[in-house]
């Protein structure tokens, strides 16, 4: 019986979350925490030994249309669910990569990123292709970055929205992630921002400002200006807090990290999950996060995207 094993990385967002849903730019980096999916033919579709349930396994329920037969699916993860580190994107990318090999469809990265995004969009109700494109491509990417801000990779469209994905060259940086331990579902937080934005011009202006902050961050990255980038990350966190997607636990971890960092902010949907700190003193940041009840870990960037594992 043929078995295919594929993995894909999680991600962290440096700048631009939530605003990216509305076509604004954002920057994401793949990190050295991955999800692995192992698939093989079966008489019925199972997930980790249990029959697939559409309610419990909405991503697999949507993505099984890409397989010509039922599958035995086994998953392994070192990305905490709901941590804001792209666990659902890595799950979708790794599964679809494995299925494409199983089906001999030779899916290129553009199609793989598009299909993984559509799984997130279907399940969450509203999403951007930031997480899935980062998980598929690896390294660093931007969405809707200005012309000349990086090598063009692909476009992804849904309804009235279109995003351009570009490769971003990232200088060597040390990042510390602080996990609050609070699970935060992306869909409700995205919907919360949508309602706020639709009824309040102030919230719409904040979304625009997040977009401009991200453009400034791309300029800082192109110059290798880590100090400026850190300042912009901290500003981005304040703007996201105004939109109501931060929480006390995240704010505590951000504030204690700033003592030893160039900048710090929540990453991902917010409402819990994780924050990130850009620092030259990772051990001190880890200690500060631990003392405030968070779970810290240092991550490497520049990792490869979705691929089959031998």
C-alpha atoms as a PDB file:
ATOM      1  CA  UNK A   1       0.000   0.000   0.000  1.00  0.00           C
ATOM      2  CA  UNK A   2       1.423   3.371  -1.024  1.00  0.00           C
ATOM      3  CA  UNK A   3       1.976   5.857   1.791  1.00  0.00           C
ATOM      4  CA  UNK A   4       2.894   9.516   1.317  1.00  0.00           C
ATOM      5  CA  UNK A   5       4.215  11.732   4.098  1.00  0.00           C
ATOM      6  CA  UNK A   6       4.396  15.503   3.657  1.00  0.00           C
ATOM      7  CA  UNK A   7       4.999  18.427   5.982  1.00  0.00           C
ATOM      8  CA  UNK A   8       4.544  22.191   5.941  1.00  0.00           C
ATOM      9  CA  UNK A   9       5.766  24.956   8.259  1.00  0.00           C
ATOM     10  CA  UNK A  10       3.852  27.269  10.513  1.00  0.00           C
ATOM     11  CA  UNK A  11       4.328  30.983  10.180  1.00  0.00           C
ATOM     12  CA  UNK A  12       4.513  34.224  12.050  1.00  0.00           C
ATOM     13  CA  UNK A  13       3.209  37.536  10.768  1.00  0.00           C
ATOM     14  CA  UNK A  14       5.575  40.456  11.171  1.00  0.00           C
ATOM     15  CA  UNK A  15       3.091  43.091  10.004  1.00  0.00           C
ATOM     16  CA  UNK A  16      -0.369  43.407   8.514  1.00  0.00           C
ATOM     17  CA  UNK A  17      -2.725  40.814  10.032  1.00  0.00           C
ATOM     18  CA  UNK A  18      -6.475  41.527   9.780  1.00  0.00           C
ATOM     19  CA  UNK A  19      -5.907  44.426   7.362  1.00  0.00           C
ATOM     20  CA  UNK A  20      -4.682  41.877   4.795  1.00  0.00           C
ATOM     21  CA  UNK A  21      -8.223  40.443   4.594  1.00  0.00           C
ATOM     22  CA  UNK A  22      -9.195  43.732   2.916  1.00  0.00           C
ATOM     23  CA  UNK A  23      -6.432  43.724   0.332  1.00  0.00           C
ATOM     24  CA  UNK A  24      -3.828  45.577   2.400  1.00  0.00           C
ATOM     25  CA  UNK A  25      -0.205  44.351   2.413  1.00  0.00           C
ATOM     26  CA  UNK A  26       1.204  41.953   4.992  1.00  0.00           C
ATOM     27  CA  UNK A  27       4.472  40.103   5.631  1.00  0.00           C
ATOM     28  CA  UNK A  28       4.806  36.546   6.938  1.00  0.00           C
ATOM     29  CA  UNK A  29       7.762  34.254   7.657  1.00  0.00           C
ATOM     30  CA  UNK A  30       7.781  30.467   7.706  1.00  0.00           C
ATOM     31  CA  UNK A  31       9.182  29.066  10.964  1.00  0.00           C
ATOM     32  CA  UNK A  32      10.813  25.807  12.013  1.00  0.00           C
ATOM     33  CA  UNK A  33       7.647  24.371  13.554  1.00  0.00           C
ATOM     34  CA  UNK A  34       5.777  22.014  11.241  1.00  0.00           C
ATOM     35  CA  UNK A  35       2.717  19.846  10.750  1.00  0.00           C
ATOM     36  CA  UNK A  36       3.106  16.483   9.054  1.00  0.00           C
ATOM     37  CA  UNK A  37       0.341  14.568   7.252  1.00  0.00           C
ATOM     38  CA  UNK A  38       0.723  10.913   6.293  1.00  0.00           C
ATOM     39  CA  UNK A  39      -1.897   9.522   3.906  1.00  0.00           C
ATOM     40  CA  UNK A  40      -2.649   6.084   2.462  1.00  0.00           C
ATOM     41  CA  UNK A  41      -5.603   4.489   0.653  1.00  0.00           C
ATOM     42  CA  UNK A  42      -8.365   3.114   2.850  1.00  0.00           C
ATOM     43  CA  UNK A  43     -11.904   1.733   2.725  1.00  0.00           C
ATOM     44  CA  UNK A  44     -13.131   4.781   4.670  1.00  0.00           C
ATOM     45  CA  UNK A  45     -11.624   8.118   5.545  1.00  0.00           C
ATOM     46  CA  UNK A  46     -10.160   8.237   9.032  1.00  0.00           C
ATOM     47  CA  UNK A  47      -8.224  10.923  10.900  1.00  0.00           C
ATOM     48  CA  UNK A  48      -5.785   9.687  13.522  1.00  0.00           C
ATOM     49  CA  UNK A  49      -7.667   6.421  13.862  1.00  0.00           C
ATOM     50  CA  UNK A  50     -11.200   7.811  13.964  1.00  0.00           C
ATOM     51  CA  UNK A  51     -13.764   8.040  11.179  1.00  0.00           C
ATOM     52  CA  UNK A  52     -13.700  11.558   9.737  1.00  0.00           C
ATOM     53  CA  UNK A  53     -16.449  13.764  11.153  1.00  0.00           C
ATOM     54  CA  UNK A  54     -17.424  16.800   9.071  1.00  0.00           C
ATOM     55  CA  UNK A  55     -17.962  18.913  12.188  1.00  0.00           C
ATOM     56  CA  UNK A  56     -14.744  17.868  13.941  1.00  0.00           C
ATOM     57  CA  UNK A  57     -12.597  17.815  10.796  1.00  0.00           C
ATOM     58  CA  UNK A  58     -13.922  20.661   8.611  1.00  0.00           C
ATOM     59  CA  UNK A  59     -10.653  21.180   6.730  1.00  0.00           C
ATOM     60  CA  UNK A  60     -10.303  17.531   5.776  1.00  0.00           C
ATOM     61  CA  UNK A  61     -14.011  17.381   4.936  1.00  0.00           C
ATOM     62  CA  UNK A  62     -13.499  20.170   2.392  1.00  0.00           C
ATOM     63  CA  UNK A  63     -10.187  18.907   1.017  1.00  0.00           C
ATOM     64  CA  UNK A  64     -11.168  15.267   0.490  1.00  0.00           C
ATOM     65  CA  UNK A  65     -12.610  16.320  -2.868  1.00  0.00           C
ATOM     66  CA  UNK A  66      -9.027  16.347  -4.153  1.00  0.00           C
ATOM     67  CA  UNK A  67      -8.646  12.620  -3.451  1.00  0.00           C
ATOM     68  CA  UNK A  68     -10.137   9.964  -5.717  1.00  0.00           C
ATOM     69  CA  UNK A  69     -10.723   7.543  -2.824  1.00  0.00           C
ATOM     70  CA  UNK A  70     -11.056   7.438   0.978  1.00  0.00           C
ATOM     71  CA  UNK A  71      -7.830   7.938   2.906  1.00  0.00           C
ATOM     72  CA  UNK A  72      -6.260   6.988   6.173  1.00  0.00           C
ATOM     73  CA  UNK A  73      -4.920  10.315   7.486  1.00  0.00           C
ATOM     74  CA  UNK A  74      -2.423  10.636  10.308  1.00  0.00           C
ATOM     75  CA  UNK A  75      -1.163  13.972  11.589  1.00  0.00           C
ATOM     76  CA  UNK A  76       1.711  15.133  13.750  1.00  0.00           C
ATOM     77  CA  UNK A  77       2.172  18.713  14.905  1.00  0.00           C
ATOM     78  CA  UNK A  78       4.588  20.830  16.871  1.00  0.00           C
ATOM     79  CA  UNK A  79       2.449  23.945  16.277  1.00  0.00           C
ATOM     80  CA  UNK A  80      -0.032  24.639  19.090  1.00  0.00           C
ATOM     81  CA  UNK A  81      -3.593  24.845  17.740  1.00  0.00           C
ATOM     82  CA  UNK A  82      -5.059  28.334  18.009  1.00  0.00           C
ATOM     83  CA  UNK A  83      -1.634  29.814  18.707  1.00  0.00           C
ATOM     84  CA  UNK A  84      -1.692  32.267  15.790  1.00  0.00           C
ATOM     85  CA  UNK A  85       1.190  30.404  14.150  1.00  0.00           C
ATOM     86  CA  UNK A  86      -0.696  29.104  11.120  1.00  0.00           C
ATOM     87  CA  UNK A  87      -1.575  25.591  12.268  1.00  0.00           C
ATOM     88  CA  UNK A  88      -4.604  25.293   9.980  1.00  0.00           C
ATOM     89  CA  UNK A  89      -2.617  26.586   6.993  1.00  0.00           C
ATOM     90  CA  UNK A  90       0.193  24.107   7.645  1.00  0.00           C
ATOM     91  CA  UNK A  91      -2.371  21.334   8.019  1.00  0.00           C
ATOM     92  CA  UNK A  92      -4.029  22.217   4.713  1.00  0.00           C
ATOM     93  CA  UNK A  93      -0.738  22.644   2.847  1.00  0.00           C
ATOM     94  CA  UNK A  94       0.802  19.411   4.115  1.00  0.00           C
ATOM     95  CA  UNK A  95      -2.345  17.362   3.431  1.00  0.00           C
ATOM     96  CA  UNK A  96      -2.834  18.732  -0.080  1.00  0.00           C
ATOM     97  CA  UNK A  97       0.845  18.210  -0.873  1.00  0.00           C
ATOM     98  CA  UNK A  98       0.563  14.576   0.218  1.00  0.00           C
ATOM     99  CA  UNK A  99      -2.647  14.077  -1.796  1.00  0.00           C
ATOM    100  CA  UNK A 100      -1.140  15.646  -4.925  1.00  0.00           C
ATOM    101  CA  UNK A 101       1.693  13.122  -4.773  1.00  0.00           C
ATOM    102  CA  UNK A 102      -0.701  10.258  -4.014  1.00  0.00           C
ATOM    103  CA  UNK A 103      -2.844  11.250  -7.019  1.00  0.00           C
ATOM    104  CA  UNK A 104       0.167  12.012  -9.276  1.00  0.00           C
ATOM    105  CA  UNK A 105      -1.310  15.419 -10.097  1.00  0.00           C
ATOM    106  CA  UNK A 106       2.044  17.242  -9.921  1.00  0.00           C
ATOM    107  CA  UNK A 107       0.481  20.307  -8.317  1.00  0.00           C
ATOM    108  CA  UNK A 108       2.670  23.421  -8.575  1.00  0.00           C
ATOM    109  CA  UNK A 109       3.053  25.792  -5.650  1.00  0.00           C
ATOM    110  CA  UNK A 110       0.595  28.330  -7.034  1.00  0.00           C
ATOM    111  CA  UNK A 111      -2.218  25.769  -7.240  1.00  0.00           C
ATOM    112  CA  UNK A 112      -1.252  24.225  -3.914  1.00  0.00           C
ATOM    113  CA  UNK A 113      -1.356  27.647  -2.229  1.00  0.00           C
ATOM    114  CA  UNK A 114      -4.682  28.469  -3.894  1.00  0.00           C
ATOM    115  CA  UNK A 115      -6.330  25.176  -2.902  1.00  0.00           C
ATOM    116  CA  UNK A 116      -5.062  25.459   0.674  1.00  0.00           C
ATOM    117  CA  UNK A 117      -6.352  29.030   0.879  1.00  0.00           C
ATOM    118  CA  UNK A 118      -9.791  28.012  -0.411  1.00  0.00           C
ATOM    119  CA  UNK A 119      -9.971  25.401   2.354  1.00  0.00           C
ATOM    120  CA  UNK A 120      -9.314  28.115   4.947  1.00  0.00           C
ATOM    121  CA  UNK A 121     -11.707  30.511   3.256  1.00  0.00           C
ATOM    122  CA  UNK A 122     -14.488  27.915   3.164  1.00  0.00           C
ATOM    123  CA  UNK A 123     -14.075  26.849   6.784  1.00  0.00           C
ATOM    124  CA  UNK A 124     -13.447  30.284   8.314  1.00  0.00           C
ATOM    125  CA  UNK A 125     -15.894  32.243   6.176  1.00  0.00           C
ATOM    126  CA  UNK A 126     -13.337  34.962   5.448  1.00  0.00           C
ATOM    127  CA  UNK A 127      -9.553  34.710   5.195  1.00  0.00           C
ATOM    128  CA  UNK A 128      -6.498  35.863   3.284  1.00  0.00           C
ATOM    129  CA  UNK A 129      -3.945  33.658   1.521  1.00  0.00           C
ATOM    130  CA  UNK A 130      -1.129  34.956   3.731  1.00  0.00           C
ATOM    131  CA  UNK A 131      -0.772  31.918   5.988  1.00  0.00           C
ATOM    132  CA  UNK A 132      -1.194  29.291   3.290  1.00  0.00           C
ATOM    133  CA  UNK A 133       1.171  30.984   0.836  1.00  0.00           C
ATOM    134  CA  UNK A 134       3.837  31.271   3.541  1.00  0.00           C
ATOM    135  CA  UNK A 135       3.365  27.610   4.449  1.00  0.00           C
ATOM    136  CA  UNK A 136       3.574  26.475   0.822  1.00  0.00           C
ATOM    137  CA  UNK A 137       6.454  28.733  -0.269  1.00  0.00           C
ATOM    138  CA  UNK A 138       8.479  28.844   2.944  1.00  0.00           C
ATOM    139  CA  UNK A 139      11.057  31.551   3.734  1.00  0.00           C
ATOM    140  CA  UNK A 140       9.314  34.948   3.633  1.00  0.00           C
ATOM    141  CA  UNK A 141       6.423  36.306   1.597  1.00  0.00           C
ATOM    142  CA  UNK A 142       4.394  39.462   1.243  1.00  0.00           C
ATOM    143  CA  UNK A 143       0.846  39.985   0.072  1.00  0.00           C
ATOM    144  CA  UNK A 144       0.076  43.034  -2.054  1.00  0.00           C
ATOM    145  CA  UNK A 145       3.514  44.514  -1.584  1.00  0.00           C
ATOM    146  CA  UNK A 146       4.403  47.428  -3.868  1.00  0.00           C
ATOM    147  CA  UNK A 147       5.945  46.736  -7.271  1.00  0.00           C
ATOM    148  CA  UNK A 148       9.626  45.930  -6.874  1.00  0.00           C
ATOM    149  CA  UNK A 149       9.279  44.873  -3.232  1.00  0.00           C
ATOM    150  CA  UNK A 150      10.085  41.237  -4.039  1.00  0.00           C
ATOM    151  CA  UNK A 151      10.060  38.558  -6.724  1.00  0.00           C
ATOM    152  CA  UNK A 152       6.551  37.853  -8.017  1.00  0.00           C
ATOM    153  CA  UNK A 153       5.262  34.388  -7.106  1.00  0.00           C
ATOM    154  CA  UNK A 154       1.510  34.216  -7.890  1.00  0.00           C
ATOM    155  CA  UNK A 155      -1.906  35.883  -7.631  1.00  0.00           C
ATOM    156  CA  UNK A 156      -4.867  34.497  -5.679  1.00  0.00           C
ATOM    157  CA  UNK A 157      -8.427  35.822  -6.072  1.00  0.00           C
ATOM    158  CA  UNK A 158     -11.779  35.177  -4.417  1.00  0.00           C
ATOM    159  CA  UNK A 159     -14.947  37.176  -5.018  1.00  0.00           C
ATOM    160  CA  UNK A 160     -13.973  40.860  -5.141  1.00  0.00           C
ATOM    161  CA  UNK A 161     -10.579  40.392  -3.488  1.00  0.00           C
ATOM    162  CA  UNK A 162      -7.247  39.766  -5.194  1.00  0.00           C
ATOM    163  CA  UNK A 163      -3.852  39.293  -3.575  1.00  0.00           C
ATOM    164  CA  UNK A 164      -0.408  39.314  -5.165  1.00  0.00           C
ATOM    165  CA  UNK A 165       2.155  37.074  -3.442  1.00  0.00           C
ATOM    166  CA  UNK A 166       5.838  38.003  -3.594  1.00  0.00           C
ATOM    167  CA  UNK A 167       8.987  36.491  -2.179  1.00  0.00           C
ATOM    168  CA  UNK A 168      10.564  38.603   0.572  1.00  0.00           C
ATOM    169  CA  UNK A 169      14.244  38.420   1.391  1.00  0.00           C
ATOM    170  CA  UNK A 170      14.561  38.584   5.158  1.00  0.00           C
ATOM    171  CA  UNK A 171      17.768  39.649   6.953  1.00  0.00           C
ATOM    172  CA  UNK A 172      19.034  37.412   9.731  1.00  0.00           C
ATOM    173  CA  UNK A 173      16.818  37.999  12.748  1.00  0.00           C
ATOM    174  CA  UNK A 174      16.132  36.359  16.088  1.00  0.00           C
ATOM    175  CA  UNK A 175      12.488  35.952  16.991  1.00  0.00           C
ATOM    176  CA  UNK A 176      10.999  34.793  20.274  1.00  0.00           C
ATOM    177  CA  UNK A 177       7.398  33.588  20.321  1.00  0.00           C
ATOM    178  CA  UNK A 178       5.371  33.853  23.507  1.00  0.00           C
ATOM    179  CA  UNK A 179       2.341  31.565  23.587  1.00  0.00           C
ATOM    180  CA  UNK A 180      -0.447  32.628  25.944  1.00  0.00           C
ATOM    181  CA  UNK A 181      -1.971  29.147  26.096  1.00  0.00           C
ATOM    182  CA  UNK A 182      -5.328  30.619  25.100  1.00  0.00           C
ATOM    183  CA  UNK A 183      -6.979  29.069  22.064  1.00  0.00           C
ATOM    184  CA  UNK A 184      -8.211  31.727  19.663  1.00  0.00           C
ATOM    185  CA  UNK A 185     -10.318  30.733  16.663  1.00  0.00           C
ATOM    186  CA  UNK A 186      -9.565  32.917  13.643  1.00  0.00           C
ATOM    187  CA  UNK A 187     -13.042  33.101  12.112  1.00  0.00           C
ATOM    188  CA  UNK A 188     -14.862  34.944  14.933  1.00  0.00           C
ATOM    189  CA  UNK A 189     -12.043  37.489  15.292  1.00  0.00           C
ATOM    190  CA  UNK A 190     -12.024  38.203  11.555  1.00  0.00           C
ATOM    191  CA  UNK A 191     -15.791  38.645  11.714  1.00  0.00           C
ATOM    192  CA  UNK A 192     -15.456  40.966  14.738  1.00  0.00           C
ATOM    193  CA  UNK A 193     -13.141  43.271  12.775  1.00  0.00           C
ATOM    194  CA  UNK A 194     -15.457  43.150   9.755  1.00  0.00           C
ATOM    195  CA  UNK A 195     -18.445  44.307  11.820  1.00  0.00           C
ATOM    196  CA  UNK A 196     -16.410  47.082  13.438  1.00  0.00           C
ATOM    197  CA  UNK A 197     -15.033  48.230  10.100  1.00  0.00           C
ATOM    198  CA  UNK A 198     -18.426  48.199   8.370  1.00  0.00           C
ATOM    199  CA  UNK A 199     -20.132  50.362  10.968  1.00  0.00           C
ATOM    200  CA  UNK A 200     -17.288  52.710  11.943  1.00  0.00           C
ATOM    201  CA  UNK A 201     -15.070  54.856   9.698  1.00  0.00           C
ATOM    202  CA  UNK A 202     -12.518  55.085  12.529  1.00  0.00           C
ATOM    203  CA  UNK A 203     -11.948  51.324  12.347  1.00  0.00           C
ATOM    204  CA  UNK A 204     -11.649  51.559   8.564  1.00  0.00           C
ATOM    205  CA  UNK A 205      -8.972  54.245   9.006  1.00  0.00           C
ATOM    206  CA  UNK A 206      -7.083  51.976  11.431  1.00  0.00           C
ATOM    207  CA  UNK A 207      -7.090  49.211   8.811  1.00  0.00           C
ATOM    208  CA  UNK A 208      -5.634  51.692   6.292  1.00  0.00           C
ATOM    209  CA  UNK A 209      -2.968  52.737   8.814  1.00  0.00           C
ATOM    210  CA  UNK A 210      -1.984  49.115   9.401  1.00  0.00           C
ATOM    211  CA  UNK A 211      -1.514  48.827   5.644  1.00  0.00           C
ATOM    212  CA  UNK A 212       0.785  51.862   5.544  1.00  0.00           C
ATOM    213  CA  UNK A 213       2.745  50.556   8.545  1.00  0.00           C
ATOM    214  CA  UNK A 214       3.366  47.348   6.613  1.00  0.00           C
ATOM    215  CA  UNK A 215       4.647  49.245   3.568  1.00  0.00           C
ATOM    216  CA  UNK A 216       7.031  51.138   5.861  1.00  0.00           C
ATOM    217  CA  UNK A 217       8.119  47.771   7.270  1.00  0.00           C
ATOM    218  CA  UNK A 218       8.949  46.494   3.788  1.00  0.00           C
ATOM    219  CA  UNK A 219      11.172  49.519   3.261  1.00  0.00           C
ATOM    220  CA  UNK A 220      12.890  48.874   6.603  1.00  0.00           C
ATOM    221  CA  UNK A 221      13.472  45.225   5.652  1.00  0.00           C
ATOM    222  CA  UNK A 222      14.951  46.183   2.290  1.00  0.00           C
ATOM    223  CA  UNK A 223      17.467  48.378   4.120  1.00  0.00           C
ATOM    224  CA  UNK A 224      18.135  45.836   6.872  1.00  0.00           C
ATOM    225  CA  UNK A 225      16.948  48.413   9.428  1.00  0.00           C
ATOM    226  CA  UNK A 226      16.002  46.142  12.334  1.00  0.00           C
ATOM    227  CA  UNK A 227      15.528  49.050  14.746  1.00  0.00           C
ATOM    228  CA  UNK A 228      12.938  50.675  12.485  1.00  0.00           C
ATOM    229  CA  UNK A 229      11.234  47.341  11.878  1.00  0.00           C
ATOM    230  CA  UNK A 230      10.913  46.781  15.619  1.00  0.00           C
ATOM    231  CA  UNK A 231       9.330  50.208  16.102  1.00  0.00           C
ATOM    232  CA  UNK A 232       6.817  49.432  13.382  1.00  0.00           C
ATOM    233  CA  UNK A 233       5.975  46.054  14.915  1.00  0.00           C
ATOM    234  CA  UNK A 234       5.167  47.730  18.218  1.00  0.00           C
ATOM    235  CA  UNK A 235       3.046  50.331  16.460  1.00  0.00           C
ATOM    236  CA  UNK A 236       1.209  47.592  14.600  1.00  0.00           C
ATOM    237  CA  UNK A 237       0.364  45.930  17.905  1.00  0.00           C
ATOM    238  CA  UNK A 238      -1.154  49.157  19.212  1.00  0.00           C
ATOM    239  CA  UNK A 239      -3.292  49.506  16.078  1.00  0.00           C
ATOM    240  CA  UNK A 240      -4.476  45.907  16.327  1.00  0.00           C
ATOM    241  CA  UNK A 241      -5.328  46.517  19.963  1.00  0.00           C
ATOM    242  CA  UNK A 242      -7.537  49.431  18.916  1.00  0.00           C
ATOM    243  CA  UNK A 243      -9.369  47.048  16.587  1.00  0.00           C
ATOM    244  CA  UNK A 244     -10.092  44.897  19.633  1.00  0.00           C
ATOM    245  CA  UNK A 245      -8.166  41.761  18.679  1.00  0.00           C
ATOM    246  CA  UNK A 246      -5.576  41.825  21.460  1.00  0.00           C
ATOM    247  CA  UNK A 247      -6.220  40.756  25.066  1.00  0.00           C
ATOM    248  CA  UNK A 248      -4.704  41.288  28.521  1.00  0.00           C
ATOM    249  CA  UNK A 249      -2.563  38.155  28.286  1.00  0.00           C
ATOM    250  CA  UNK A 250      -1.043  39.225  24.974  1.00  0.00           C
ATOM    251  CA  UNK A 251      -0.488  42.790  26.141  1.00  0.00           C
ATOM    252  CA  UNK A 252       1.363  41.586  29.253  1.00  0.00           C
ATOM    253  CA  UNK A 253       3.737  39.430  27.194  1.00  0.00           C
ATOM    254  CA  UNK A 254       4.321  42.222  24.671  1.00  0.00           C
ATOM    255  CA  UNK A 255       5.058  44.785  27.381  1.00  0.00           C
ATOM    256  CA  UNK A 256       7.589  42.650  29.271  1.00  0.00           C
ATOM    257  CA  UNK A 257       9.301  41.643  26.025  1.00  0.00           C
ATOM    258  CA  UNK A 258       9.838  45.250  24.956  1.00  0.00           C
ATOM    259  CA  UNK A 259      12.425  45.710  27.708  1.00  0.00           C
ATOM    260  CA  UNK A 260      14.813  43.455  25.799  1.00  0.00           C
ATOM    261  CA  UNK A 261      13.547  43.797  22.208  1.00  0.00           C
ATOM    262  CA  UNK A 262      13.510  46.094  19.210  1.00  0.00           C
ATOM    263  CA  UNK A 263       9.763  45.564  19.014  1.00  0.00           C
ATOM    264  CA  UNK A 264       6.983  43.164  19.910  1.00  0.00           C
ATOM    265  CA  UNK A 265       3.415  42.473  18.836  1.00  0.00           C
ATOM    266  CA  UNK A 266       0.688  39.888  18.645  1.00  0.00           C
ATOM    267  CA  UNK A 267       0.890  37.590  15.643  1.00  0.00           C
ATOM    268  CA  UNK A 268      -2.025  35.990  13.858  1.00  0.00           C
ATOM    269  CA  UNK A 269      -5.681  36.555  14.628  1.00  0.00           C
ATOM    270  CA  UNK A 270      -5.144  37.654  18.243  1.00  0.00           C
ATOM    271  CA  UNK A 271      -7.613  37.156  21.080  1.00  0.00           C
ATOM    272  CA  UNK A 272      -5.065  34.851  22.683  1.00  0.00           C
ATOM    273  CA  UNK A 273      -2.633  32.761  20.710  1.00  0.00           C
ATOM    274  CA  UNK A 274       0.881  34.181  20.481  1.00  0.00           C
ATOM    275  CA  UNK A 275       3.019  37.283  20.353  1.00  0.00           C
ATOM    276  CA  UNK A 276       6.458  37.748  18.821  1.00  0.00           C
ATOM    277  CA  UNK A 277       9.488  39.779  19.805  1.00  0.00           C
ATOM    278  CA  UNK A 278      12.375  40.868  17.584  1.00  0.00           C
ATOM    279  CA  UNK A 279      15.452  40.753  19.806  1.00  0.00           C
ATOM    280  CA  UNK A 280      19.176  40.255  20.225  1.00  0.00           C
ATOM    281  CA  UNK A 281      18.585  38.964  23.763  1.00  0.00           C
ATOM    282  CA  UNK A 282      16.327  35.940  23.271  1.00  0.00           C
ATOM    283  CA  UNK A 283      17.149  34.312  26.612  1.00  0.00           C
ATOM    284  CA  UNK A 284      16.121  37.421  28.543  1.00  0.00           C
ATOM    285  CA  UNK A 285      12.898  37.682  26.538  1.00  0.00           C
ATOM    286  CA  UNK A 286      12.136  34.005  27.172  1.00  0.00           C
ATOM    287  CA  UNK A 287      12.669  34.494  30.903  1.00  0.00           C
ATOM    288  CA  UNK A 288      10.413  37.560  30.980  1.00  0.00           C
ATOM    289  CA  UNK A 289       7.660  35.743  29.093  1.00  0.00           C
ATOM    290  CA  UNK A 290       7.882  32.728  31.414  1.00  0.00           C
ATOM    291  CA  UNK A 291       7.601  34.932  34.493  1.00  0.00           C
ATOM    292  CA  UNK A 292       4.368  36.356  33.079  1.00  0.00           C
ATOM    293  CA  UNK A 293       2.866  32.902  32.537  1.00  0.00           C
ATOM    294  CA  UNK A 294       3.581  32.540  28.827  1.00  0.00           C
ATOM    295  CA  UNK A 295       5.336  29.712  27.038  1.00  0.00           C
ATOM    296  CA  UNK A 296       8.348  31.045  25.106  1.00  0.00           C
ATOM    297  CA  UNK A 297      10.326  29.476  22.314  1.00  0.00           C
ATOM    298  CA  UNK A 298      12.975  30.781  19.967  1.00  0.00           C
ATOM    299  CA  UNK A 299      12.270  30.127  16.285  1.00  0.00           C
ATOM    300  CA  UNK A 300      14.380  29.935  13.176  1.00  0.00           C
ATOM    301  CA  UNK A 301      13.255  31.514   9.955  1.00  0.00           C
ATOM    302  CA  UNK A 302      14.342  30.830   6.387  1.00  0.00           C
ATOM    303  CA  UNK A 303      12.867  27.326   6.374  1.00  0.00           C
ATOM    304  CA  UNK A 304      11.577  25.431   3.337  1.00  0.00           C
ATOM    305  CA  UNK A 305       7.898  25.254   2.479  1.00  0.00           C
ATOM    306  CA  UNK A 306       5.530  22.327   1.958  1.00  0.00           C
ATOM    307  CA  UNK A 307       7.274  19.208   0.739  1.00  0.00           C
ATOM    308  CA  UNK A 308       7.281  15.427   0.772  1.00  0.00           C
ATOM    309  CA  UNK A 309       9.388  13.813   3.484  1.00  0.00           C
ATOM    310  CA  UNK A 310      11.439  10.722   2.798  1.00  0.00           C
END
